[in-house]
C-alpha cells in the first residue's frame, strides 16, 4: 500500500504524508489509503503522554526503513489528523 510513497522517498530524499490516526486500536497497522491520499493508521498505544505519537513514529520508521529521528510530526501532535515529514 505504501510502495508509491517509499519510491518517492527514495527518489526525492524526503516525503510529506497526511495521516488520520486511531489511537487505542486493537493493533498498530497502516489500514487504508483514502481518496484524498490521507493514510489511515491504527495505533495500539493510548493517546496519553505522547505514547500514541511515539508508536506512530516507530511504525512509520519501520514501514519506510528509516531511523525514528528521520520521522517528524510537523503538525497535529495533539490531534488525529497529522502532517508527517520523513527524510533519508
N, C-alpha and C. Protein backbone atom coordinates (compact mmCIF):
# COMPACT_ATOMS: atom_id res chain seq x y z
N UNK A 1 0.81 -1.20 0.00
CA UNK A 1 0.00 0.00 0.00
C UNK A 1 0.86 1.27 0.00
N UNK A 2 2.01 1.22 0.65
CA UNK A 2 2.87 2.40 0.74
C UNK A 2 4.01 2.39 -0.26
N UNK A 3 4.00 1.45 -1.20
CA UNK A 3 5.09 1.33 -2.17
C UNK A 3 5.34 2.63 -2.93
N UNK A 4 4.27 3.28 -3.35
CA UNK A 4 4.38 4.54 -4.09
C UNK A 4 5.13 5.58 -3.27
N UNK A 5 4.81 5.65 -1.99
CA UNK A 5 5.43 6.64 -1.11
C UNK A 5 6.89 6.28 -0.80
N UNK A 6 7.18 5.00 -0.69
CA UNK A 6 8.57 4.57 -0.48
C UNK A 6 9.43 4.95 -1.67
N UNK A 7 8.89 4.83 -2.87
CA UNK A 7 9.62 5.20 -4.08
C UNK A 7 9.87 6.71 -4.10
N UNK A 8 8.87 7.50 -3.76
CA UNK A 8 9.03 8.96 -3.72
C UNK A 8 10.12 9.34 -2.72
N UNK A 9 10.12 8.70 -1.55
CA UNK A 9 11.13 8.98 -0.54
C UNK A 9 12.52 8.67 -1.07
N UNK A 10 12.69 7.54 -1.74
CA UNK A 10 14.00 7.17 -2.29
C UNK A 10 14.44 8.16 -3.37
N UNK A 11 13.51 8.60 -4.21
CA UNK A 11 13.86 9.50 -5.31
C UNK A 11 14.14 10.93 -4.86
N UNK A 12 13.34 11.44 -3.94
CA UNK A 12 13.44 12.85 -3.55
C UNK A 12 14.19 13.07 -2.24
N UNK A 13 14.34 12.04 -1.44
CA UNK A 13 15.05 12.18 -0.18
C UNK A 13 14.20 12.68 0.97
N UNK A 14 12.97 13.09 0.67
CA UNK A 14 12.03 13.49 1.72
C UNK A 14 10.62 13.23 1.25
N UNK A 15 9.72 13.12 2.22
CA UNK A 15 8.34 12.78 1.92
C UNK A 15 7.43 13.41 2.97
N UNK A 16 6.33 13.97 2.52
CA UNK A 16 5.32 14.52 3.41
C UNK A 16 4.07 13.65 3.30
N UNK A 17 3.51 13.29 4.45
CA UNK A 17 2.32 12.45 4.49
C UNK A 17 1.25 13.08 5.36
N UNK A 18 0.01 12.95 4.90
CA UNK A 18 -1.15 13.31 5.74
C UNK A 18 -1.68 12.01 6.32
N UNK A 19 -1.87 12.01 7.62
CA UNK A 19 -2.33 10.81 8.30
C UNK A 19 -3.58 11.10 9.11
N UNK A 20 -4.40 10.09 9.24
CA UNK A 20 -5.51 10.10 10.18
C UNK A 20 -5.27 8.90 11.09
N UNK A 21 -5.02 9.16 12.36
CA UNK A 21 -4.66 8.09 13.27
C UNK A 21 -5.82 7.73 14.19
N UNK A 22 -5.84 6.46 14.59
CA UNK A 22 -6.85 5.95 15.51
C UNK A 22 -6.12 5.31 16.68
N UNK A 23 -5.83 6.10 17.73
CA UNK A 23 -5.13 5.54 18.90
C UNK A 23 -6.07 4.64 19.70
N UNK A 24 -5.47 3.74 20.46
CA UNK A 24 -6.25 2.82 21.28
C UNK A 24 -6.88 1.69 20.49
N UNK A 25 -6.36 1.42 19.30
CA UNK A 25 -6.89 0.35 18.45
C UNK A 25 -6.40 -1.01 18.95
N UNK A 26 -6.93 -2.05 18.35
CA UNK A 26 -6.58 -3.42 18.72
C UNK A 26 -5.11 -3.73 18.43
N UNK A 27 -4.58 -3.18 17.31
CA UNK A 27 -3.19 -3.39 16.93
C UNK A 27 -2.68 -2.18 16.15
N UNK A 28 -1.37 -2.06 16.03
CA UNK A 28 -0.77 -0.98 15.26
C UNK A 28 -0.58 -1.45 13.82
N UNK A 29 -1.17 -0.71 12.88
CA UNK A 29 -1.07 -1.09 11.47
C UNK A 29 -1.53 0.05 10.58
N UNK A 30 -0.94 0.10 9.38
CA UNK A 30 -1.43 1.01 8.35
C UNK A 30 -2.66 0.35 7.76
N UNK A 31 -3.80 1.04 7.77
CA UNK A 31 -5.07 0.42 7.41
C UNK A 31 -5.56 0.72 6.00
N UNK A 32 -5.50 1.99 5.59
CA UNK A 32 -6.13 2.33 4.31
C UNK A 32 -5.54 3.61 3.74
N UNK A 33 -5.71 3.74 2.44
CA UNK A 33 -5.37 4.96 1.72
C UNK A 33 -6.68 5.56 1.25
N UNK A 34 -7.00 6.74 1.74
CA UNK A 34 -8.26 7.39 1.40
C UNK A 34 -8.16 8.07 0.03
N UNK A 35 -9.28 8.49 -0.51
CA UNK A 35 -9.32 9.10 -1.85
C UNK A 35 -8.46 10.35 -1.95
N UNK A 36 -8.34 11.11 -0.85
CA UNK A 36 -7.53 12.33 -0.87
C UNK A 36 -6.07 12.05 -0.52
N UNK A 37 -5.67 10.78 -0.51
CA UNK A 37 -4.33 10.29 -0.22
C UNK A 37 -3.93 10.42 1.24
N UNK A 38 -4.90 10.67 2.10
CA UNK A 38 -4.64 10.59 3.54
C UNK A 38 -4.52 9.11 3.90
N UNK A 39 -3.56 8.79 4.74
CA UNK A 39 -3.31 7.41 5.14
C UNK A 39 -3.90 7.19 6.52
N UNK A 40 -4.72 6.15 6.66
CA UNK A 40 -5.30 5.80 7.96
C UNK A 40 -4.36 4.82 8.66
N UNK A 41 -4.06 5.14 9.93
CA UNK A 41 -3.18 4.30 10.73
C UNK A 41 -3.84 4.01 12.07
N UNK A 42 -3.92 2.73 12.42
CA UNK A 42 -4.39 2.33 13.75
C UNK A 42 -3.18 2.21 14.66
N UNK A 43 -3.33 2.71 15.89
CA UNK A 43 -2.25 2.62 16.87
C UNK A 43 -2.76 1.94 18.13
N UNK A 44 -2.05 0.94 18.57
CA UNK A 44 -2.45 0.22 19.79
C UNK A 44 -2.28 1.11 21.02
N UNK A 45 -1.27 1.99 20.99
CA UNK A 45 -0.98 2.86 22.13
C UNK A 45 -2.11 3.85 22.38
N UNK A 46 -2.31 4.15 23.64
CA UNK A 46 -3.33 5.13 24.03
C UNK A 46 -2.79 6.54 23.80
N UNK A 47 -3.68 7.50 23.57
CA UNK A 47 -3.25 8.88 23.34
C UNK A 47 -2.95 9.61 24.66
N UNK A 48 -2.02 9.07 25.43
CA UNK A 48 -1.67 9.63 26.73
C UNK A 48 -0.17 9.84 26.81
N UNK A 49 0.24 11.03 27.25
CA UNK A 49 1.65 11.35 27.46
C UNK A 49 2.51 11.10 26.22
N UNK A 50 1.96 11.31 25.04
CA UNK A 50 2.72 11.17 23.80
C UNK A 50 2.97 9.74 23.36
N UNK A 51 2.35 8.78 24.03
CA UNK A 51 2.59 7.36 23.67
C UNK A 51 2.13 7.04 22.25
N UNK A 52 0.99 7.56 21.86
CA UNK A 52 0.49 7.28 20.51
C UNK A 52 1.41 7.90 19.45
N UNK A 53 1.90 9.09 19.70
CA UNK A 53 2.83 9.72 18.75
C UNK A 53 4.13 8.93 18.64
N UNK A 54 4.64 8.45 19.78
CA UNK A 54 5.84 7.62 19.77
C UNK A 54 5.60 6.33 18.97
N UNK A 55 4.44 5.73 19.15
CA UNK A 55 4.10 4.50 18.42
C UNK A 55 3.97 4.79 16.93
N UNK A 56 3.40 5.93 16.59
CA UNK A 56 3.27 6.32 15.18
C UNK A 56 4.63 6.49 14.53
N UNK A 57 5.52 7.21 15.20
CA UNK A 57 6.87 7.42 14.67
C UNK A 57 7.58 6.08 14.48
N UNK A 58 7.46 5.19 15.46
CA UNK A 58 8.09 3.87 15.36
C UNK A 58 7.51 3.07 14.20
N UNK A 59 6.20 3.11 14.04
CA UNK A 59 5.52 2.39 12.96
C UNK A 59 5.99 2.89 11.59
N UNK A 60 6.01 4.20 11.42
CA UNK A 60 6.42 4.77 10.13
C UNK A 60 7.90 4.54 9.86
N UNK A 61 8.73 4.63 10.89
CA UNK A 61 10.16 4.35 10.72
C UNK A 61 10.37 2.92 10.23
N UNK A 62 9.62 1.99 10.80
CA UNK A 62 9.74 0.59 10.37
C UNK A 62 9.22 0.40 8.94
N UNK A 63 8.08 1.01 8.62
CA UNK A 63 7.50 0.89 7.27
C UNK A 63 8.43 1.44 6.19
N UNK A 64 9.09 2.56 6.49
CA UNK A 64 9.93 3.22 5.49
C UNK A 64 11.41 2.91 5.67
N UNK A 65 11.72 2.03 6.63
CA UNK A 65 13.09 1.58 6.88
C UNK A 65 14.04 2.75 7.10
N UNK A 66 13.65 3.65 8.00
CA UNK A 66 14.48 4.78 8.40
C UNK A 66 14.56 4.79 9.93
N UNK A 67 15.45 5.62 10.46
CA UNK A 67 15.54 5.78 11.91
C UNK A 67 14.38 6.63 12.41
N UNK A 68 14.04 6.45 13.65
CA UNK A 68 12.95 7.23 14.24
C UNK A 68 13.21 8.73 14.15
N UNK A 69 14.47 9.13 14.26
CA UNK A 69 14.84 10.54 14.20
C UNK A 69 14.54 11.16 12.83
N UNK A 70 14.34 10.33 11.83
CA UNK A 70 14.06 10.81 10.47
C UNK A 70 12.57 11.00 10.21
N UNK A 71 11.75 10.70 11.20
CA UNK A 71 10.30 10.86 11.10
C UNK A 71 9.89 11.99 12.04
N UNK A 72 9.32 13.05 11.50
CA UNK A 72 8.93 14.22 12.29
C UNK A 72 7.43 14.49 12.15
N UNK A 73 6.80 14.79 13.26
CA UNK A 73 5.40 15.24 13.24
C UNK A 73 5.44 16.75 13.11
N UNK A 74 5.05 17.27 11.94
CA UNK A 74 5.10 18.71 11.69
C UNK A 74 3.89 19.43 12.28
N UNK A 75 2.74 18.80 12.22
CA UNK A 75 1.55 19.40 12.81
C UNK A 75 0.59 18.30 13.23
N UNK A 76 -0.25 18.64 14.22
CA UNK A 76 -1.27 17.70 14.67
C UNK A 76 -0.81 16.78 15.78
N UNK A 77 0.22 17.15 16.52
CA UNK A 77 0.73 16.27 17.58
C UNK A 77 -0.35 15.91 18.60
N UNK A 78 -1.30 16.80 18.83
CA UNK A 78 -2.36 16.54 19.81
C UNK A 78 -3.70 16.23 19.13
N UNK A 79 -3.65 15.92 17.83
CA UNK A 79 -4.87 15.68 17.07
C UNK A 79 -4.77 14.35 16.33
N UNK A 80 -5.88 13.92 15.77
CA UNK A 80 -5.89 12.68 14.98
C UNK A 80 -5.39 12.91 13.55
N UNK A 81 -5.56 14.10 13.03
CA UNK A 81 -5.05 14.45 11.70
C UNK A 81 -3.63 14.98 11.88
N UNK A 82 -2.68 14.40 11.16
CA UNK A 82 -1.28 14.79 11.33
C UNK A 82 -0.60 14.99 9.99
N UNK A 83 0.38 15.89 9.99
CA UNK A 83 1.27 16.06 8.84
C UNK A 83 2.64 15.57 9.28
N UNK A 84 3.19 14.63 8.51
CA UNK A 84 4.44 13.97 8.84
C UNK A 84 5.48 14.25 7.74
N UNK A 85 6.73 14.44 8.16
CA UNK A 85 7.83 14.55 7.21
C UNK A 85 8.82 13.42 7.51
N UNK A 86 9.19 12.70 6.44
CA UNK A 86 10.18 11.63 6.56
C UNK A 86 11.34 11.98 5.64
N UNK A 87 12.55 11.88 6.16
CA UNK A 87 13.74 12.17 5.35
C UNK A 87 14.69 10.97 5.38
N UNK A 88 15.56 10.91 4.38
CA UNK A 88 16.58 9.86 4.37
C UNK A 88 17.96 10.50 4.41
